Amino acid sequence: VQLVESGGGSVETGGSLRLACAASGLNIGDYCMAWFRQGPGNEREGIATIIGDNALYADSVKGRFTVSQDTAKNTIDLQMDALTPEDSTWYFCVANYDYCPGLTRTNWRYWGQGTQVTVSS
C-alpha cells in the first residue's frame, strides 16, 4: 500500500493550496481516508476524514478546508483556503479499512510520507 501526497508548497496568508493523495494497493472506496498534520515537536492533529459521502472536520479548519475523493482515480484531495501561518506544517494522507478511528486517534493503518505547507505572513 502506498499513499503519496503532493501539492504542498509556500503561499502567503490568505492564499490557497490544494493537496492531493494518490493511493495504490488499496481501493479508497473501502477505506476511511483522512488528512492529518504534524510539525516538529507538535502532536499529530487530525483535520479531516471522509468515508463515502460523509466528511468530518476539525474545528481548526472547518469552513476553510474541504476534503473530497475520486474513487475512479483512487485519489483524495484537500482544498485549503484562507491559509494562515498556523497552518504551516507537514500534511499526511491516512487510510483505515472500513471505519474511521476518529480525528483524535492515531491508530490509522496506513500513512503517507507527507507534504510540507508553508504559509508566510
C-alpha atoms as a PDB file:
ATOM      1  CA  VAL A   1       0.000   0.000   0.000  1.00  0.00           C
ATOM      2  CA  GLN A   2       1.220   3.471  -0.854  1.00  0.00           C
ATOM      3  CA  LEU A   3      -0.230   6.863  -0.142  1.00  0.00           C
ATOM      4  CA  VAL A   4       1.613   9.608  -1.984  1.00  0.00           C
ATOM      5  CA  GLU A   5       0.872  13.217  -1.177  1.00  0.00           C
ATOM      6  CA  SER A   6       1.528  16.154  -3.459  1.00  0.00           C
ATOM      7  CA  GLY A   7       0.612  19.791  -3.772  1.00  0.00           C
ATOM      8  CA  GLY A   8       2.420  21.252  -0.799  1.00  0.00           C
ATOM      9  CA  GLY A   9       4.406  24.434  -1.100  1.00  0.00           C
ATOM     10  CA  SER A  10       4.623  28.033   0.007  1.00  0.00           C
ATOM     11  CA  VAL A  11       1.826  30.553  -0.023  1.00  0.00           C
ATOM     12  CA  GLU A  12       1.054  33.886   1.584  1.00  0.00           C
ATOM     13  CA  THR A  13      -1.504  34.393   4.319  1.00  0.00           C
ATOM     14  CA  GLY A  14      -4.995  34.228   2.894  1.00  0.00           C
ATOM     15  CA  GLY A  15      -3.911  32.108  -0.014  1.00  0.00           C
ATOM     16  CA  SER A  16      -4.969  28.623  -1.077  1.00  0.00           C
ATOM     17  CA  LEU A  17      -3.377  25.285  -1.771  1.00  0.00           C
ATOM     18  CA  ARG A  18      -4.807  22.010  -2.945  1.00  0.00           C
ATOM     19  CA  LEU A  19      -3.208  18.827  -1.671  1.00  0.00           C
ATOM     20  CA  ALA A  20      -3.664  15.516  -3.419  1.00  0.00           C
ATOM     21  CA  CYS A  21      -3.168  11.954  -2.258  1.00  0.00           C
ATOM     22  CA  ALA A  22      -2.749   9.119  -4.738  1.00  0.00           C
ATOM     23  CA  ALA A  23      -3.485   5.711  -3.261  1.00  0.00           C
ATOM     24  CA  SER A  24      -2.184   2.430  -4.603  1.00  0.00           C
ATOM     25  CA  GLY A  25      -2.575  -1.068  -3.248  1.00  0.00           C
ATOM     26  CA  LEU A  26      -5.971  -0.279  -1.803  1.00  0.00           C
ATOM     27  CA  ASN A  27      -9.365   0.821  -3.002  1.00  0.00           C
ATOM     28  CA  ILE A  28     -10.222   4.082  -1.248  1.00  0.00           C
ATOM     29  CA  GLY A  29     -13.899   3.215  -1.584  1.00  0.00           C
ATOM     30  CA  ASP A  30     -13.333   0.509   1.021  1.00  0.00           C
ATOM     31  CA  TYR A  31     -11.422   2.783   3.390  1.00  0.00           C
ATOM     32  CA  CYS A  32     -11.921   5.737   5.611  1.00  0.00           C
ATOM     33  CA  MET A  33      -9.469   8.353   4.350  1.00  0.00           C
ATOM     34  CA  ALA A  34      -8.150  11.274   6.303  1.00  0.00           C
ATOM     35  CA  TRP A  35      -5.699  14.140   6.427  1.00  0.00           C
ATOM     36  CA  PHE A  36      -3.549  14.696   9.470  1.00  0.00           C
ATOM     37  CA  ARG A  37      -0.909  17.309  10.065  1.00  0.00           C
ATOM     38  CA  GLN A  38       2.099  17.455  12.325  1.00  0.00           C
ATOM     39  CA  GLY A  39       5.016  19.781  12.752  1.00  0.00           C
ATOM     40  CA  PRO A  40       8.311  19.259  14.571  1.00  0.00           C
ATOM     41  CA  GLY A  41       7.631  18.937  18.271  1.00  0.00           C
ATOM     42  CA  ASN A  42       3.904  19.097  17.739  1.00  0.00           C
ATOM     43  CA  GLU A  43       1.260  16.457  18.202  1.00  0.00           C
ATOM     44  CA  ARG A  44      -0.431  14.917  15.246  1.00  0.00           C
ATOM     45  CA  GLU A  45      -3.693  16.668  14.500  1.00  0.00           C
ATOM     46  CA  GLY A  46      -6.451  15.028  12.541  1.00  0.00           C
ATOM     47  CA  ILE A  47      -8.063  17.680  10.395  1.00  0.00           C
ATOM     48  CA  ALA A  48     -10.438  15.910   8.003  1.00  0.00           C
ATOM     49  CA  THR A  49     -11.876  12.485   7.359  1.00  0.00           C
ATOM     50  CA  ILE A  50     -14.007  11.186   4.540  1.00  0.00           C
ATOM     51  CA  ILE A  51     -15.818   7.905   4.105  1.00  0.00           C
ATOM     52  CA  GLY A  52     -18.366   7.599   1.356  1.00  0.00           C
ATOM     53  CA  ASP A  53     -20.179  10.933   1.189  1.00  0.00           C
ATOM     54  CA  ASN A  54     -19.515  11.791   4.809  1.00  0.00           C
ATOM     55  CA  ALA A  55     -16.805  14.274   5.729  1.00  0.00           C
ATOM     56  CA  LEU A  56     -15.780  15.448   9.162  1.00  0.00           C
ATOM     57  CA  TYR A  57     -13.515  18.362  10.036  1.00  0.00           C
ATOM     58  CA  ALA A  58     -11.561  19.578  12.998  1.00  0.00           C
ATOM     59  CA  ASP A  59     -12.723  22.915  14.381  1.00  0.00           C
ATOM     60  CA  SER A  60      -9.377  24.434  13.440  1.00  0.00           C
ATOM     61  CA  VAL A  61     -10.071  24.008   9.713  1.00  0.00           C
ATOM     62  CA  LYS A  62     -13.851  23.889   9.484  1.00  0.00           C
ATOM     63  CA  GLY A  63     -15.127  26.308   6.882  1.00  0.00           C
ATOM     64  CA  ARG A  64     -11.700  26.755   5.317  1.00  0.00           C
ATOM     65  CA  PHE A  65     -10.690  23.257   4.217  1.00  0.00           C
ATOM     66  CA  THR A  66     -12.643  20.822   2.056  1.00  0.00           C
ATOM     67  CA  VAL A  67     -11.863  17.149   1.603  1.00  0.00           C
ATOM     68  CA  SER A  68     -13.027  15.244  -1.443  1.00  0.00           C
ATOM     69  CA  GLN A  69     -12.400  11.901  -3.055  1.00  0.00           C
ATOM     70  CA  ASP A  70     -12.430  10.481  -6.548  1.00  0.00           C
ATOM     71  CA  THR A  71     -12.937   6.740  -6.362  1.00  0.00           C
ATOM     72  CA  ALA A  72     -12.405   6.362 -10.109  1.00  0.00           C
ATOM     73  CA  LYS A  73      -8.927   7.891  -9.818  1.00  0.00           C
ATOM     74  CA  ASN A  74      -8.361   6.457  -6.325  1.00  0.00           C
ATOM     75  CA  THR A  75      -7.354   9.859  -5.018  1.00  0.00           C
ATOM     76  CA  ILE A  76      -8.391  12.243  -2.288  1.00  0.00           C
ATOM     77  CA  ASP A  77      -7.841  15.975  -2.236  1.00  0.00           C
ATOM     78  CA  LEU A  78      -7.724  18.634   0.418  1.00  0.00           C
ATOM     79  CA  GLN A  79      -8.632  22.123  -0.712  1.00  0.00           C
ATOM     80  CA  MET A  80      -7.193  24.617   1.754  1.00  0.00           C
ATOM     81  CA  ASP A  81      -8.397  28.209   1.669  1.00  0.00           C
ATOM     82  CA  ALA A  82      -7.811  31.234   3.864  1.00  0.00           C
ATOM     83  CA  LEU A  83      -4.488  29.828   4.997  1.00  0.00           C
ATOM     84  CA  THR A  84      -2.668  31.325   7.963  1.00  0.00           C
ATOM     85  CA  PRO A  85       0.866  30.829   9.292  1.00  0.00           C
ATOM     86  CA  GLU A  86      -0.622  28.492  11.919  1.00  0.00           C
ATOM     87  CA  ASP A  87      -1.409  26.075   9.082  1.00  0.00           C
ATOM     88  CA  SER A  88       2.295  25.733   8.273  1.00  0.00           C
ATOM     89  CA  THR A  89       3.360  22.151   8.875  1.00  0.00           C
ATOM     90  CA  TRP A  90       3.550  18.704   7.292  1.00  0.00           C
ATOM     91  CA  TYR A  91       0.329  17.185   5.975  1.00  0.00           C
ATOM     92  CA  PHE A  92      -0.233  13.439   5.790  1.00  0.00           C
ATOM     93  CA  CYS A  93      -2.715  11.298   3.908  1.00  0.00           C
ATOM     94  CA  VAL A  94      -4.030   8.474   6.056  1.00  0.00           C
ATOM     95  CA  ALA A  95      -6.215   5.415   5.500  1.00  0.00           C
ATOM     96  CA  ASN A  96      -8.000   2.830   7.586  1.00  0.00           C
ATOM     97  CA  TYR A  97     -10.021  -0.085   6.356  1.00  0.00           C
ATOM     98  CA  ASP A  98     -13.767   0.000   6.719  1.00  0.00           C
ATOM     99  CA  TYR A  99     -14.140   2.530   9.566  1.00  0.00           C
ATOM    100  CA  CYS A 100     -12.808   5.845  10.792  1.00  0.00           C
ATOM    101  CA  PRO A 101     -10.838   5.689  14.051  1.00  0.00           C
ATOM    102  CA  GLY A 102     -11.515   9.381  14.523  1.00  0.00           C
ATOM    103  CA  LEU A 103      -9.652  12.654  14.268  1.00  0.00           C
ATOM    104  CA  THR A 104      -8.233  12.305  17.752  1.00  0.00           C
ATOM    105  CA  ARG A 105      -6.935   8.810  17.274  1.00  0.00           C
ATOM    106  CA  THR A 106      -3.628   7.923  15.643  1.00  0.00           C
ATOM    107  CA  ASN A 107      -4.189   4.183  15.173  1.00  0.00           C
ATOM    108  CA  TRP A 108      -4.876   4.566  11.494  1.00  0.00           C
ATOM    109  CA  ARG A 109      -3.472   1.716   9.424  1.00  0.00           C
ATOM    110  CA  TYR A 110      -1.648   3.470   6.575  1.00  0.00           C
ATOM    111  CA  TRP A 111       0.211   6.768   6.446  1.00  0.00           C
ATOM    112  CA  GLY A 112       1.817   8.639   3.589  1.00  0.00           C
ATOM    113  CA  GLN A 113       5.199  10.357   3.760  1.00  0.00           C
ATOM    114  CA  GLY A 114       3.722  13.818   3.913  1.00  0.00           C
ATOM    115  CA  THR A 115       3.905  17.079   2.039  1.00  0.00           C
ATOM    116  CA  GLN A 116       5.012  20.356   3.545  1.00  0.00           C
ATOM    117  CA  VAL A 117       2.956  23.520   3.606  1.00  0.00           C
ATOM    118  CA  THR A 118       4.421  26.898   4.493  1.00  0.00           C
ATOM    119  CA  VAL A 119       2.281  29.974   4.909  1.00  0.00           C
ATOM    120  CA  SER A 120       4.083  33.285   5.205  1.00  0.00           C
ATOM    121  CA  SER A 121       2.688  36.337   6.950  1.00  0.00           C
END
